[in-house]
Amino acid sequence: MLRVPTPFPQVGSYALIQDEGELMLCRIVDRDSDTGQVLIAFPERFGASGNKRVMVDRLIDGTPLTDAERREWRAAEQAIAGKSRPSRRLVERADCLRGRDGAADELRARLRKIGVGRAAA
């Protein structure tokens, strides 16, 4: 097994997806850059889990934040707190980083559960 995880959203990378009302771990099996679709598998499911083709924007990136992204997030939060009307771009970027930070913990826990925690940490 590779020691370095495949970067999201490349083939072989893991992500989270809201599927059938439940947050599920998925792995990208194939990607069609022309249509923006990916074929995903569900490694937590046992038996005939099936694959599913979805738009890549439905996937929740759980890549851990880098130190630079954490600094950017803190700076954005401070800037938002200090302004009465922060820019939409700044608010969206802060929300994106906050969401990814939360998803990273969930993704890490699910990967450990299926025995991939060491490679994805």
PDB file of N, CA and C in Angstrom:
ATOM      1  N   MET A   1       0.836  -1.167   0.000  1.00  0.00           N
ATOM      2  CA  MET A   1       0.000   0.000   0.000  1.00  0.00           C
ATOM      3  C   MET A   1       0.892   1.246   0.000  1.00  0.00           C
ATOM      4  N   LEU A   2       0.444   2.263  -0.665  1.00  0.00           N
ATOM      5  CA  LEU A   2       1.195   3.507  -0.718  1.00  0.00           C
ATOM      6  C   LEU A   2       1.224   4.187   0.646  1.00  0.00           C
ATOM      7  N   ARG A   3       2.319   4.822   0.955  1.00  0.00           N
ATOM      8  CA  ARG A   3       2.450   5.534   2.228  1.00  0.00           C
ATOM      9  C   ARG A   3       1.865   6.937   2.134  1.00  0.00           C
ATOM     10  N   VAL A   4       1.802   7.495   0.918  1.00  0.00           N
ATOM     11  CA  VAL A   4       1.278   8.832   0.716  1.00  0.00           C
ATOM     12  C   VAL A   4      -0.123   8.706   0.121  1.00  0.00           C
ATOM     13  N   PRO A   5      -1.133   9.290   0.770  1.00  0.00           N
ATOM     14  CA  PRO A   5      -2.490   9.169   0.232  1.00  0.00           C
ATOM     15  C   PRO A   5      -2.628   9.909  -1.100  1.00  0.00           C
ATOM     16  N   THR A   6      -3.496   9.400  -1.948  1.00  0.00           N
ATOM     17  CA  THR A   6      -3.771  10.034  -3.229  1.00  0.00           C
ATOM     18  C   THR A   6      -4.538  11.336  -2.987  1.00  0.00           C
ATOM     19  N   PRO A   7      -4.127  12.429  -3.609  1.00  0.00           N
ATOM     20  CA  PRO A   7      -4.800  13.702  -3.363  1.00  0.00           C
ATOM     21  C   PRO A   7      -6.219  13.733  -3.945  1.00  0.00           C
ATOM     22  N   PHE A   8      -7.115  14.349  -3.230  1.00  0.00           N
ATOM     23  CA  PHE A   8      -8.496  14.530  -3.668  1.00  0.00           C
ATOM     24  C   PHE A   8      -8.522  15.536  -4.799  1.00  0.00           C
ATOM     25  N   PRO A   9      -9.278  15.352  -5.830  1.00  0.00           N
ATOM     26  CA  PRO A   9     -10.226  14.293  -6.197  1.00  0.00           C
ATOM     27  C   PRO A   9      -9.686  13.335  -7.256  1.00  0.00           C
ATOM     28  N   GLN A  10      -8.499  12.849  -7.096  1.00  0.00           N
ATOM     29  CA  GLN A  10      -7.901  11.936  -8.077  1.00  0.00           C
ATOM     30  C   GLN A  10      -8.395  10.510  -7.840  1.00  0.00           C
ATOM     31  N   VAL A  11      -8.275   9.684  -8.879  1.00  0.00           N
ATOM     32  CA  VAL A  11      -8.655   8.270  -8.772  1.00  0.00           C
ATOM     33  C   VAL A  11      -7.813   7.626  -7.673  1.00  0.00           C
ATOM     34  N   GLY A  12      -8.484   6.913  -6.785  1.00  0.00           N
ATOM     35  CA  GLY A  12      -7.811   6.267  -5.665  1.00  0.00           C
ATOM     36  C   GLY A  12      -7.966   7.024  -4.363  1.00  0.00           C
ATOM     37  N   SER A  13      -8.411   8.277  -4.421  1.00  0.00           N
ATOM     38  CA  SER A  13      -8.563   9.054  -3.185  1.00  0.00           C
ATOM     39  C   SER A  13      -9.902   8.750  -2.512  1.00  0.00           C
ATOM     40  N   TYR A  14      -9.938   9.005  -1.227  1.00  0.00           N
ATOM     41  CA  TYR A  14     -11.141   8.797  -0.428  1.00  0.00           C
ATOM     42  C   TYR A  14     -11.834  10.129  -0.187  1.00  0.00           C
ATOM     43  N   ALA A  15     -13.140  10.055   0.034  1.00  0.00           N
ATOM     44  CA  ALA A  15     -13.936  11.242   0.338  1.00  0.00           C
ATOM     45  C   ALA A  15     -15.167  10.784   1.114  1.00  0.00           C
ATOM     46  N   LEU A  16     -15.991  11.736   1.474  1.00  0.00           N
ATOM     47  CA  LEU A  16     -17.277  11.450   2.110  1.00  0.00           C
ATOM     48  C   LEU A  16     -18.371  11.888   1.142  1.00  0.00           C
ATOM     49  N   ILE A  17     -19.527  11.244   1.241  1.00  0.00           N
ATOM     50  CA  ILE A  17     -20.663  11.637   0.422  1.00  0.00           C
ATOM     51  C   ILE A  17     -21.936  11.409   1.228  1.00  0.00           C
ATOM     52  N   GLN A  18     -22.883  12.310   1.068  1.00  0.00           N
ATOM     53  CA  GLN A  18     -24.200  12.132   1.670  1.00  0.00           C
ATOM     54  C   GLN A  18     -24.975  11.257   0.692  1.00  0.00           C
ATOM     55  N   ASP A  19     -25.244  10.008   1.065  1.00  0.00           N
ATOM     56  CA  ASP A  19     -25.903   9.054   0.170  1.00  0.00           C
ATOM     57  C   ASP A  19     -27.032   8.357   0.907  1.00  0.00           C
ATOM     58  N   GLU A  20     -28.193   8.398   0.329  1.00  0.00           N
ATOM     59  CA  GLU A  20     -29.377   7.767   0.921  1.00  0.00           C
ATOM     60  C   GLU A  20     -29.596   8.231   2.356  1.00  0.00           C
ATOM     61  N   GLY A  21     -29.386   9.524   2.581  1.00  0.00           N
ATOM     62  CA  GLY A  21     -29.618  10.108   3.895  1.00  0.00           C
ATOM     63  C   GLY A  21     -28.559   9.815   4.930  1.00  0.00           C
ATOM     64  N   GLU A  22     -27.454   9.244   4.507  1.00  0.00           N
ATOM     65  CA  GLU A  22     -26.395   8.864   5.442  1.00  0.00           C
ATOM     66  C   GLU A  22     -25.043   9.337   4.913  1.00  0.00           C
ATOM     67  N   LEU A  23     -24.181   9.766   5.820  1.00  0.00           N
ATOM     68  CA  LEU A  23     -22.824  10.144   5.442  1.00  0.00           C
ATOM     69  C   LEU A  23     -22.015   8.872   5.260  1.00  0.00           C
ATOM     70  N   MET A  24     -21.454   8.695   4.051  1.00  0.00           N
ATOM     71  CA  MET A  24     -20.757   7.453   3.715  1.00  0.00           C
ATOM     72  C   MET A  24     -19.328   7.745   3.271  1.00  0.00           C
ATOM     73  N   LEU A  25     -18.440   6.807   3.562  1.00  0.00           N
ATOM     74  CA  LEU A  25     -17.083   6.843   3.044  1.00  0.00           C
ATOM     75  C   LEU A  25     -17.123   6.307   1.612  1.00  0.00           C
ATOM     76  N   CYS A  26     -16.406   6.957   0.719  1.00  0.00           N
ATOM     77  CA  CYS A  26     -16.332   6.454  -0.650  1.00  0.00           C
ATOM     78  C   CYS A  26     -14.907   6.607  -1.169  1.00  0.00           C
ATOM     79  N   ARG A  27     -14.626   5.859  -2.219  1.00  0.00           N
ATOM     80  CA  ARG A  27     -13.318   5.928  -2.873  1.00  0.00           C
ATOM     81  C   ARG A  27     -13.539   6.142  -4.358  1.00  0.00           C
ATOM     82  N   ILE A  28     -12.797   7.064  -4.940  1.00  0.00           N
ATOM     83  CA  ILE A  28     -12.944   7.349  -6.367  1.00  0.00           C
ATOM     84  C   ILE A  28     -12.265   6.230  -7.156  1.00  0.00           C
ATOM     85  N   VAL A  29     -13.057   5.578  -8.013  1.00  0.00           N
ATOM     86  CA  VAL A  29     -12.585   4.452  -8.810  1.00  0.00           C
ATOM     87  C   VAL A  29     -12.237   4.903 -10.226  1.00  0.00           C
ATOM     88  N   ASP A  30     -13.003   5.853 -10.747  1.00  0.00           N
ATOM     89  CA  ASP A  30     -12.787   6.346 -12.100  1.00  0.00           C
ATOM     90  C   ASP A  30     -13.266   7.793 -12.150  1.00  0.00           C
ATOM     91  N   ARG A  31     -12.688   8.566 -13.068  1.00  0.00           N
ATOM     92  CA  ARG A  31     -13.050   9.971 -13.164  1.00  0.00           C
ATOM     93  C   ARG A  31     -13.139  10.370 -14.625  1.00  0.00           C
ATOM     94  N   ASP A  32     -14.221  11.065 -14.970  1.00  0.00           N
ATOM     95  CA  ASP A  32     -14.410  11.581 -16.320  1.00  0.00           C
ATOM     96  C   ASP A  32     -14.312  13.100 -16.240  1.00  0.00           C
ATOM     97  N   SER A  33     -13.169  13.636 -16.603  1.00  0.00           N
ATOM     98  CA  SER A  33     -12.930  15.080 -16.497  1.00  0.00           C
ATOM     99  C   SER A  33     -13.842  15.877 -17.412  1.00  0.00           C
ATOM    100  N   ASP A  34     -14.262  15.287 -18.527  1.00  0.00           N
ATOM    101  CA  ASP A  34     -15.121  16.004 -19.476  1.00  0.00           C
ATOM    102  C   ASP A  34     -16.507  16.282 -18.899  1.00  0.00           C
ATOM    103  N   THR A  35     -17.065  15.317 -18.168  1.00  0.00           N
ATOM    104  CA  THR A  35     -18.422  15.478 -17.639  1.00  0.00           C
ATOM    105  C   THR A  35     -18.437  15.908 -16.175  1.00  0.00           C
ATOM    106  N   GLY A  36     -17.304  15.814 -15.499  1.00  0.00           N
ATOM    107  CA  GLY A  36     -17.260  16.145 -14.079  1.00  0.00           C
ATOM    108  C   GLY A  36     -17.805  15.049 -13.188  1.00  0.00           C
ATOM    109  N   GLN A  37     -17.955  13.850 -13.739  1.00  0.00           N
ATOM    110  CA  GLN A  37     -18.477  12.732 -12.966  1.00  0.00           C
ATOM    111  C   GLN A  37     -17.347  11.824 -12.490  1.00  0.00           C
ATOM    112  N   VAL A  38     -17.609  11.163 -11.367  1.00  0.00           N
ATOM    113  CA  VAL A  38     -16.694  10.163 -10.841  1.00  0.00           C
ATOM    114  C   VAL A  38     -17.474   8.895 -10.537  1.00  0.00           C
ATOM    115  N   LEU A  39     -16.801   7.770 -10.666  1.00  0.00           N
ATOM    116  CA  LEU A  39     -17.365   6.489 -10.263  1.00  0.00           C
ATOM    117  C   LEU A  39     -16.803   6.211  -8.880  1.00  0.00           C
ATOM    118  N   ILE A  40     -17.684   5.963  -7.913  1.00  0.00           N
ATOM    119  CA  ILE A  40     -17.233   5.742  -6.537  1.00  0.00           C
ATOM    120  C   ILE A  40     -17.640   4.352  -6.055  1.00  0.00           C
ATOM    121  N   ALA A  41     -16.836   3.833  -5.140  1.00  0.00           N
ATOM    122  CA  ALA A  41     -17.127   2.578  -4.448  1.00  0.00           C
ATOM    123  C   ALA A  41     -17.308   2.922  -2.969  1.00  0.00           C
ATOM    124  N   PHE A  42     -17.994   2.060  -2.259  1.00  0.00           N
ATOM    125  CA  PHE A  42     -18.280   2.263  -0.839  1.00  0.00           C
ATOM    126  C   PHE A  42     -17.552   1.207  -0.011  1.00  0.00           C
ATOM    127  N   PRO A  43     -16.342   1.498   0.450  1.00  0.00           N
ATOM    128  CA  PRO A  43     -15.541   0.476   1.144  1.00  0.00           C
ATOM    129  C   PRO A  43     -16.082   0.039   2.505  1.00  0.00           C
ATOM    130  N   GLU A  44     -16.983   0.785   3.107  1.00  0.00           N
ATOM    131  CA  GLU A  44     -17.538   0.373   4.404  1.00  0.00           C
ATOM    132  C   GLU A  44     -18.659  -0.643   4.244  1.00  0.00           C
ATOM    133  N   ARG A  45     -19.242  -0.704   3.082  1.00  0.00           N
ATOM    134  CA  ARG A  45     -20.330  -1.650   2.851  1.00  0.00           C
ATOM    135  C   ARG A  45     -19.773  -3.045   2.619  1.00  0.00           C
ATOM    136  N   PHE A  46     -20.478  -4.039   3.112  1.00  0.00           N
ATOM    137  CA  PHE A  46     -20.065  -5.425   2.932  1.00  0.00           C
ATOM    138  C   PHE A  46     -20.950  -6.083   1.887  1.00  0.00           C
ATOM    139  N   GLY A  47     -20.408  -7.073   1.211  1.00  0.00           N
ATOM    140  CA  GLY A  47     -21.186  -7.772   0.190  1.00  0.00           C
ATOM    141  C   GLY A  47     -21.216  -6.973  -1.096  1.00  0.00           C
ATOM    142  N   ALA A  48     -22.320  -7.050  -1.789  1.00  0.00           N
ATOM    143  CA  ALA A  48     -22.477  -6.360  -3.070  1.00  0.00           C
ATOM    144  C   ALA A  48     -22.796  -4.887  -2.815  1.00  0.00           C
ATOM    145  N   SER A  49     -21.754  -4.115  -2.544  1.00  0.00           N
ATOM    146  CA  SER A  49     -21.966  -2.708  -2.188  1.00  0.00           C
ATOM    147  C   SER A  49     -22.307  -1.846  -3.387  1.00  0.00           C
ATOM    148  N   GLY A  50     -21.878  -2.277  -4.553  1.00  0.00           N
ATOM    149  CA  GLY A  50     -22.175  -1.532  -5.767  1.00  0.00           C
ATOM    150  C   GLY A  50     -21.340  -0.279  -5.899  1.00  0.00           C
ATOM    151  N   ASN A  51     -21.238   0.182  -7.105  1.00  0.00           N
ATOM    152  CA  ASN A  51     -20.574   1.438  -7.404  1.00  0.00           C
ATOM    153  C   ASN A  51     -21.642   2.426  -7.836  1.00  0.00           C
ATOM    154  N   LYS A  52     -21.276   3.684  -7.838  1.00  0.00           N
ATOM    155  CA  LYS A  52     -22.233   4.719  -8.191  1.00  0.00           C
ATOM    156  C   LYS A  52     -21.502   5.822  -8.932  1.00  0.00           C
ATOM    157  N   ARG A  53     -22.133   6.369  -9.952  1.00  0.00           N
ATOM    158  CA  ARG A  53     -21.558   7.489 -10.691  1.00  0.00           C
ATOM    159  C   ARG A  53     -22.256   8.762 -10.215  1.00  0.00           C
ATOM    160  N   VAL A  54     -21.442   9.719  -9.745  1.00  0.00           N
ATOM    161  CA  VAL A  54     -21.977  10.983  -9.224  1.00  0.00           C
ATOM    162  C   VAL A  54     -21.118  12.144  -9.738  1.00  0.00           C
ATOM    163  N   MET A  55     -21.649  13.341  -9.613  1.00  0.00           N
ATOM    164  CA  MET A  55     -20.873  14.526  -9.950  1.00  0.00           C
ATOM    165  C   MET A  55     -19.826  14.730  -8.851  1.00  0.00           C
ATOM    166  N   VAL A  56     -18.632  15.129  -9.250  1.00  0.00           N
ATOM    167  CA  VAL A  56     -17.526  15.272  -8.296  1.00  0.00           C
ATOM    168  C   VAL A  56     -17.856  16.308  -7.216  1.00  0.00           C
ATOM    169  N   ASP A  57     -18.687  17.293  -7.520  1.00  0.00           N
ATOM    170  CA  ASP A  57     -19.005  18.309  -6.514  1.00  0.00           C
ATOM    171  C   ASP A  57     -19.916  17.797  -5.403  1.00  0.00           C
ATOM    172  N   ARG A  58     -20.442  16.578  -5.524  1.00  0.00           N
ATOM    173  CA  ARG A  58     -21.213  15.968  -4.430  1.00  0.00           C
ATOM    174  C   ARG A  58     -20.309  15.387  -3.352  1.00  0.00           C
ATOM    175  N   LEU A  59     -19.049  15.174  -3.688  1.00  0.00           N
ATOM    176  CA  LEU A  59     -18.112  14.580  -2.733  1.00  0.00           C
ATOM    177  C   LEU A  59     -17.652  15.629  -1.735  1.00  0.00           C
ATOM    178  N   ILE A  60     -17.430  15.188  -0.514  1.00  0.00           N
ATOM    179  CA  ILE A  60     -16.963  16.065   0.559  1.00  0.00           C
ATOM    180  C   ILE A  60     -15.481  15.777   0.773  1.00  0.00           C
ATOM    181  N   ASP A  61     -14.677  16.773   0.485  1.00  0.00           N
ATOM    182  CA  ASP A  61     -13.220  16.638   0.619  1.00  0.00           C
ATOM    183  C   ASP A  61     -12.851  16.598   2.098  1.00  0.00           C
ATOM    184  N   GLY A  62     -12.162  15.561   2.497  1.00  0.00           N
ATOM    185  CA  GLY A  62     -11.730  15.420   3.884  1.00  0.00           C
ATOM    186  C   GLY A  62     -10.225  15.516   4.031  1.00  0.00           C
ATOM    187  N   THR A  63      -9.577  16.136   3.051  1.00  0.00           N
ATOM    188  CA  THR A  63      -8.131  16.289   3.119  1.00  0.00           C
ATOM    189  C   THR A  63      -7.763  17.172   4.305  1.00  0.00           C
ATOM    190  N   PRO A  64      -6.867  16.728   5.178  1.00  0.00           N
ATOM    191  CA  PRO A  64      -6.468  17.578   6.312  1.00  0.00           C
ATOM    192  C   PRO A  64      -5.891  18.912   5.823  1.00  0.00           C
ATOM    193  N   LEU A  65      -6.172  19.962   6.568  1.00  0.00           N
ATOM    194  CA  LEU A  65      -5.656  21.278   6.215  1.00  0.00           C
ATOM    195  C   LEU A  65      -4.146  21.326   6.421  1.00  0.00           C
ATOM    196  N   THR A  66      -3.479  22.014   5.522  1.00  0.00           N
ATOM    197  CA  THR A  66      -2.045  22.245   5.700  1.00  0.00           C
ATOM    198  C   THR A  66      -1.871  23.369   6.717  1.00  0.00           C
ATOM    199  N   ASP A  67      -0.658  23.560   7.198  1.00  0.00           N
ATOM    200  CA  ASP A  67      -0.396  24.665   8.126  1.00  0.00           C
ATOM    201  C   ASP A  67      -0.733  26.004   7.484  1.00  0.00           C
ATOM    202  N   ALA A  68      -0.424  26.154   6.202  1.00  0.00           N
ATOM    203  CA  ALA A  68      -0.725  27.408   5.493  1.00  0.00           C
ATOM    204  C   ALA A  68      -2.232  27.638   5.408  1.00  0.00           C
ATOM    205  N   GLU A  69      -2.990  26.573   5.164  1.00  0.00           N
ATOM    206  CA  GLU A  69      -4.453  26.712   5.106  1.00  0.00           C
ATOM    207  C   GLU A  69      -5.030  27.040   6.476  1.00  0.00           C
ATOM    208  N   ARG A  70      -4.463  26.466   7.536  1.00  0.00           N
ATOM    209  CA  ARG A  70      -4.927  26.807   8.896  1.00  0.00           C
ATOM    210  C   ARG A  70      -4.681  28.281   9.196  1.00  0.00           C
ATOM    211  N   ARG A  71      -3.517  28.792   8.803  1.00  0.00           N
ATOM    212  CA  ARG A  71      -3.231  30.222   8.991  1.00  0.00           C
ATOM    213  C   ARG A  71      -4.198  31.075   8.175  1.00  0.00           C
ATOM    214  N   GLU A  72      -4.461  30.649   6.942  1.00  0.00           N
ATOM    215  CA  GLU A  72      -5.401  31.381   6.094  1.00  0.00           C
ATOM    216  C   GLU A  72      -6.798  31.405   6.716  1.00  0.00           C
ATOM    217  N   TRP A  73      -7.221  30.264   7.265  1.00  0.00           N
ATOM    218  CA  TRP A  73      -8.535  30.158   7.887  1.00  0.00           C
ATOM    219  C   TRP A  73      -8.623  31.092   9.101  1.00  0.00           C
ATOM    220  N   ARG A  74      -7.607  31.059   9.970  1.00  0.00           N
ATOM    221  CA  ARG A  74      -7.599  31.946  11.145  1.00  0.00           C
ATOM    222  C   ARG A  74      -7.633  33.419  10.735  1.00  0.00           C
ATOM    223  N   ALA A  75      -6.840  33.766   9.721  1.00  0.00           N
ATOM    224  CA  ALA A  75      -6.814  35.149   9.248  1.00  0.00           C
ATOM    225  C   ALA A  75      -8.171  35.560   8.671  1.00  0.00           C
ATOM    226  N   ALA A  76      -8.795  34.647   7.935  1.00  0.00           N
ATOM    227  CA  ALA A  76     -10.113  34.937   7.363  1.00  0.00           C
ATOM    228  C   ALA A  76     -11.151  35.120   8.469  1.00  0.00           C
ATOM    229  N   GLU A  77     -11.119  34.247   9.470  1.00  0.00           N
ATOM    230  CA  GLU A  77     -12.073  34.368  10.595  1.00  0.00           C
ATOM    231  C   GLU A  77     -11.881  35.686  11.329  1.00  0.00           C
ATOM    232  N   GLN A  78     -10.633  36.090  11.528  1.00  0.00           N
ATOM    233  CA  GLN A  78     -10.363  37.368  12.199  1.00  0.00           C
ATOM    234  C   GLN A  78     -10.838  38.535  11.348  1.00  0.00           C
ATOM    235  N   ALA A  79     -10.615  38.461  10.046  1.00  0.00           N
ATOM    236  CA  ALA A  79     -11.049  39.533   9.148  1.00  0.00           C
ATOM    237  C   ALA A  79     -12.571  39.632   9.117  1.00  0.00           C
ATOM    238  N   ILE A  80     -13.239  38.481   9.108  1.00  0.00           N
ATOM    239  CA  ILE A  80     -14.712  38.473   9.097  1.00  0.00           C
ATOM    240  C   ILE A  80     -15.252  39.070  10.386  1.00  0.00           C
ATOM    241  N   ALA A  81     -14.633  38.699  11.509  1.00  0.00           N
ATOM    242  CA  ALA A  81     -15.081  39.214  12.813  1.00  0.00           C
ATOM    243  C   ALA A  81     -14.883  40.721  12.917  1.00  0.00           C
ATOM    244  N   GLY A  82     -13.868  41.251  12.234  1.00  0.00           N
ATOM    245  CA  GLY A  82     -13.561  42.676  12.325  1.00  0.00           C
ATOM    246  C   GLY A  82     -14.310  43.553  11.347  1.00  0.00           C
ATOM    247  N   LYS A  83     -15.108  42.961  10.451  1.00  0.00           N
ATOM    248  CA  LYS A  83     -15.822  43.736   9.433  1.00  0.00           C
ATOM    249  C   LYS A  83     -17.322  43.605   9.618  1.00  0.00           C
ATOM    250  N   SER A  84     -18.031  44.688   9.339  1.00  0.00           N
ATOM    251  CA  SER A  84     -19.486  44.609   9.414  1.00  0.00           C
ATOM    252  C   SER A  84     -20.057  43.936   8.164  1.00  0.00           C
ATOM    253  N   ARG A  85     -19.363  44.079   7.025  1.00  0.00           N
ATOM    254  CA  ARG A  85     -19.817  43.451   5.778  1.00  0.00           C
ATOM    255  C   ARG A  85     -18.620  42.823   5.051  1.00  0.00           C
ATOM    256  N   PRO A  86     -18.182  41.644   5.492  1.00  0.00           N
ATOM    257  CA  PRO A  86     -17.040  40.998   4.827  1.00  0.00           C
ATOM    258  C   PRO A  86     -17.417  40.555   3.418  1.00  0.00           C
ATOM    259  N   SER A  87     -16.424  40.409   2.571  1.00  0.00           N
ATOM    260  CA  SER A  87     -16.691  39.995   1.192  1.00  0.00           C
ATOM    261  C   SER A  87     -17.236  38.565   1.157  1.00  0.00           C
ATOM    262  N   ARG A  88     -18.036  38.308   0.172  1.00  0.00           N
ATOM    263  CA  ARG A  88     -18.631  36.980   0.003  1.00  0.00           C
ATOM    264  C   ARG A  88     -17.534  35.939  -0.226  1.00  0.00           C
ATOM    265  N   ARG A  89     -16.520  36.310  -1.001  1.00  0.00           N
ATOM    266  CA  ARG A  89     -15.414  35.392  -1.289  1.00  0.00           C
ATOM    267  C   ARG A  89     -14.696  34.984  -0.012  1.00  0.00           C
ATOM    268  N   LEU A  90     -14.470  35.940   0.880  1.00  0.00           N
ATOM    269  CA  LEU A  90     -13.790  35.665   2.142  1.00  0.00           C
ATOM    270  C   LEU A  90     -14.623  34.742   3.022  1.00  0.00           C
ATOM    271  N   VAL A  91     -15.905  35.009   3.101  1.00  0.00           N
ATOM    272  CA  VAL A  91     -16.802  34.174   3.916  1.00  0.00           C
ATOM    273  C   VAL A  91     -16.880  32.759   3.341  1.00  0.00           C
ATOM    274  N   GLU A  92     -16.986  32.646   2.017  1.00  0.00           N
ATOM    275  CA  GLU A  92     -17.066  31.323   1.386  1.00  0.00           C
ATOM    276  C   GLU A  92     -15.780  30.525   1.595  1.00  0.00           C
ATOM    277  N   ARG A  93     -14.648  31.209   1.505  1.00  0.00           N
ATOM    278  CA  ARG A  93     -13.366  30.514   1.702  1.00  0.00           C
ATOM    279  C   ARG A  93     -13.240  30.030   3.144  1.00  0.00           C
ATOM    280  N   ALA A  94     -13.617  30.860   4.103  1.00  0.00           N
ATOM    281  CA  ALA A  94     -13.565  30.458   5.507  1.00  0.00           C
ATOM    282  C   ALA A  94     -14.502  29.278   5.766  1.00  0.00           C
ATOM    283  N   ASP A  95     -15.697  29.320   5.167  1.00  0.00           N
ATOM    284  CA  ASP A  95     -16.648  28.213   5.318  1.00  0.00           C
ATOM    285  C   ASP A  95     -16.100  26.921   4.714  1.00  0.00           C
ATOM    286  N   CYS A  96     -15.455  27.036   3.559  1.00  0.00           N
ATOM    287  CA  CYS A  96     -14.867  25.872   2.892  1.00  0.00           C
ATOM    288  C   CYS A  96     -13.792  25.234   3.775  1.00  0.00           C
ATOM    289  N   LEU A  97     -12.907  26.045   4.314  1.00  0.00           N
ATOM    290  CA  LEU A  97     -11.835  25.522   5.169  1.00  0.00           C
ATOM    291  C   LEU A  97     -12.389  24.933   6.459  1.00  0.00           C
ATOM    292  N   ARG A  98     -13.396  25.569   7.041  1.00  0.00           N
ATOM    293  CA  ARG A  98     -14.025  25.057   8.261  1.00  0.00           C
ATOM    294  C   ARG A  98     -14.655  23.694   7.989  1.00  0.00           C
ATOM    295  N   GLY A  99     -15.364  23.586   6.872  1.00  0.00           N
ATOM    296  CA  GLY A  99     -16.010  22.324   6.508  1.00  0.00           C
ATOM    297  C   GLY A  99     -15.009  21.214   6.260  1.00  0.00           C
ATOM    298  N   ARG A 100     -13.936  21.555   5.570  1.00  0.00           N
ATOM    299  CA  ARG A 100     -12.909  20.549   5.289  1.00  0.00           C
ATOM    300  C   ARG A 100     -12.217  20.093   6.561  1.00  0.00           C
ATOM    301  N   ASP A 101     -12.014  21.008   7.500  1.00  0.00           N
ATOM    302  CA  ASP A 101     -11.388  20.648   8.767  1.00  0.00           C
ATOM    303  C   ASP A 101     -12.254  19.648   9.532  1.00  0.00           C
ATOM    304  N   GLY A 102     -13.551  19.877   9.560  1.00  0.00           N
ATOM    305  CA  GLY A 102     -14.468  18.948  10.225  1.00  0.00           C
ATOM    306  C   GLY A 102     -14.556  17.617   9.507  1.00  0.00           C
ATOM    307  N   ALA A 103     -14.585  17.663   8.176  1.00  0.00           N
ATOM    308  CA  ALA A 103     -14.674  16.435   7.391  1.00  0.00           C
ATOM    309  C   ALA A 103     -13.401  15.597   7.516  1.00  0.00           C
ATOM    310  N   ALA A 104     -12.272  16.254   7.733  1.00  0.00           N
ATOM    311  CA  ALA A 104     -11.003  15.525   7.852  1.00  0.00           C
ATOM    312  C   ALA A 104     -11.025  14.582   9.055  1.00  0.00           C
ATOM    313  N   ASP A 105     -11.580  15.039  10.164  1.00  0.00           N
ATOM    314  CA  ASP A 105     -11.673  14.176  11.354  1.00  0.00           C
ATOM    315  C   ASP A 105     -12.567  12.966  11.084  1.00  0.00           C
ATOM    316  N   GLU A 106     -13.707  13.215  10.444  1.00  0.00           N
ATOM    317  CA  GLU A 106     -14.647  12.134  10.133  1.00  0.00           C
ATOM    318  C   GLU A 106     -14.027  11.144   9.155  1.00  0.00           C
ATOM    319  N   LEU A 107     -13.373  11.656   8.115  1.00  0.00           N
ATOM    320  CA  LEU A 107     -12.737  10.790   7.125  1.00  0.00           C
ATOM    321  C   LEU A 107     -11.643   9.947   7.768  1.00  0.00           C
ATOM    322  N   ARG A 108     -10.812  10.552   8.596  1.00  0.00           N
ATOM    323  CA  ARG A 108      -9.723   9.835   9.266  1.00  0.00           C
ATOM    324  C   ARG A 108     -10.278   8.697  10.131  1.00  0.00           C
ATOM    325  N   ALA A 109     -11.352   8.966  10.865  1.00  0.00           N
ATOM    326  CA  ALA A 109     -11.950   7.943  11.722  1.00  0.00           C
ATOM    327  C   ALA A 109     -12.503   6.778  10.899  1.00  0.00           C
ATOM    328  N   ARG A 110     -13.150   7.088   9.802  1.00  0.00           N
ATOM    329  CA  ARG A 110     -13.724   6.027   8.962  1.00  0.00           C
ATOM    330  C   ARG A 110     -12.637   5.204   8.270  1.00  0.00           C
ATOM    331  N   LEU A 111     -11.564   5.862   7.864  1.00  0.00           N
ATOM    332  CA  LEU A 111     -10.465   5.124   7.231  1.00  0.00           C
ATOM    333  C   LEU A 111      -9.786   4.188   8.229  1.00  0.00           C
ATOM    334  N   ARG A 112      -9.635   4.636   9.455  1.00  0.00           N
ATOM    335  CA  ARG A 112      -9.048   3.771  10.490  1.00  0.00           C
ATOM    336  C   ARG A 112      -9.939   2.551  10.722  1.00  0.00           C
ATOM    337  N   LYS A 113     -11.248   2.792  10.678  1.00  0.00           N
ATOM    338  CA  LYS A 113     -12.208   1.702  10.914  1.00  0.00           C
ATOM    339  C   LYS A 113     -12.059   0.583   9.887  1.00  0.00           C
ATOM    340  N   ILE A 114     -11.699   0.936   8.654  1.00  0.00           N
ATOM    341  CA  ILE A 114     -11.534  -0.102   7.630  1.00  0.00           C
ATOM    342  C   ILE A 114     -10.065  -0.491   7.448  1.00  0.00           C
ATOM    343  N   GLY A 115      -9.197   0.020   8.311  1.00  0.00           N
ATOM    344  CA  GLY A 115      -7.798  -0.382   8.291  1.00  0.00           C
ATOM    345  C   GLY A 115      -6.912   0.397   7.355  1.00  0.00           C
ATOM    346  N   VAL A 116      -7.305   1.615   6.992  1.00  0.00           N
ATOM    347  CA  VAL A 116      -6.509   2.433   6.091  1.00  0.00           C
ATOM    348  C   VAL A 116      -6.012   3.664   6.830  1.00  0.00           C
ATOM    349  N   GLY A 117      -6.239   3.747   8.120  1.00  0.00           N
ATOM    350  CA  GLY A 117      -5.914   4.943   8.899  1.00  0.00           C
ATOM    351  C   GLY A 117      -4.469   5.386   8.825  1.00  0.00           C
ATOM    352  N   ARG A 118      -3.570   4.455   8.803  1.00  0.00           N
ATOM    353  CA  ARG A 118      -2.150   4.832   8.814  1.00  0.00           C
ATOM    354  C   ARG A 118      -1.749   5.541   7.524  1.00  0.00           C
ATOM    355  N   ALA A 119      -2.248   5.075   6.384  1.00  0.00           N
ATOM    356  CA  ALA A 119      -1.884   5.680   5.105  1.00  0.00           C
ATOM    357  C   ALA A 119      -2.565   7.012   4.909  1.00  0.00           C
ATOM    358  N   ALA A 120      -3.715   7.222   5.533  1.00  0.00           N
ATOM    359  CA  ALA A 120      -4.471   8.452   5.301  1.00  0.00           C
ATOM    360  C   ALA A 120      -4.226   9.512   6.350  1.00  0.00           C
ATOM    361  N   ALA A 121      -3.507   9.183   7.395  1.00  0.00           N
ATOM    362  CA  ALA A 121      -3.314  10.148   8.485  1.00  0.00           C
ATOM    363  C   ALA A 121      -2.327  11.220   8.134  1.00  0.00           C
TER     364      ALA A 121
END
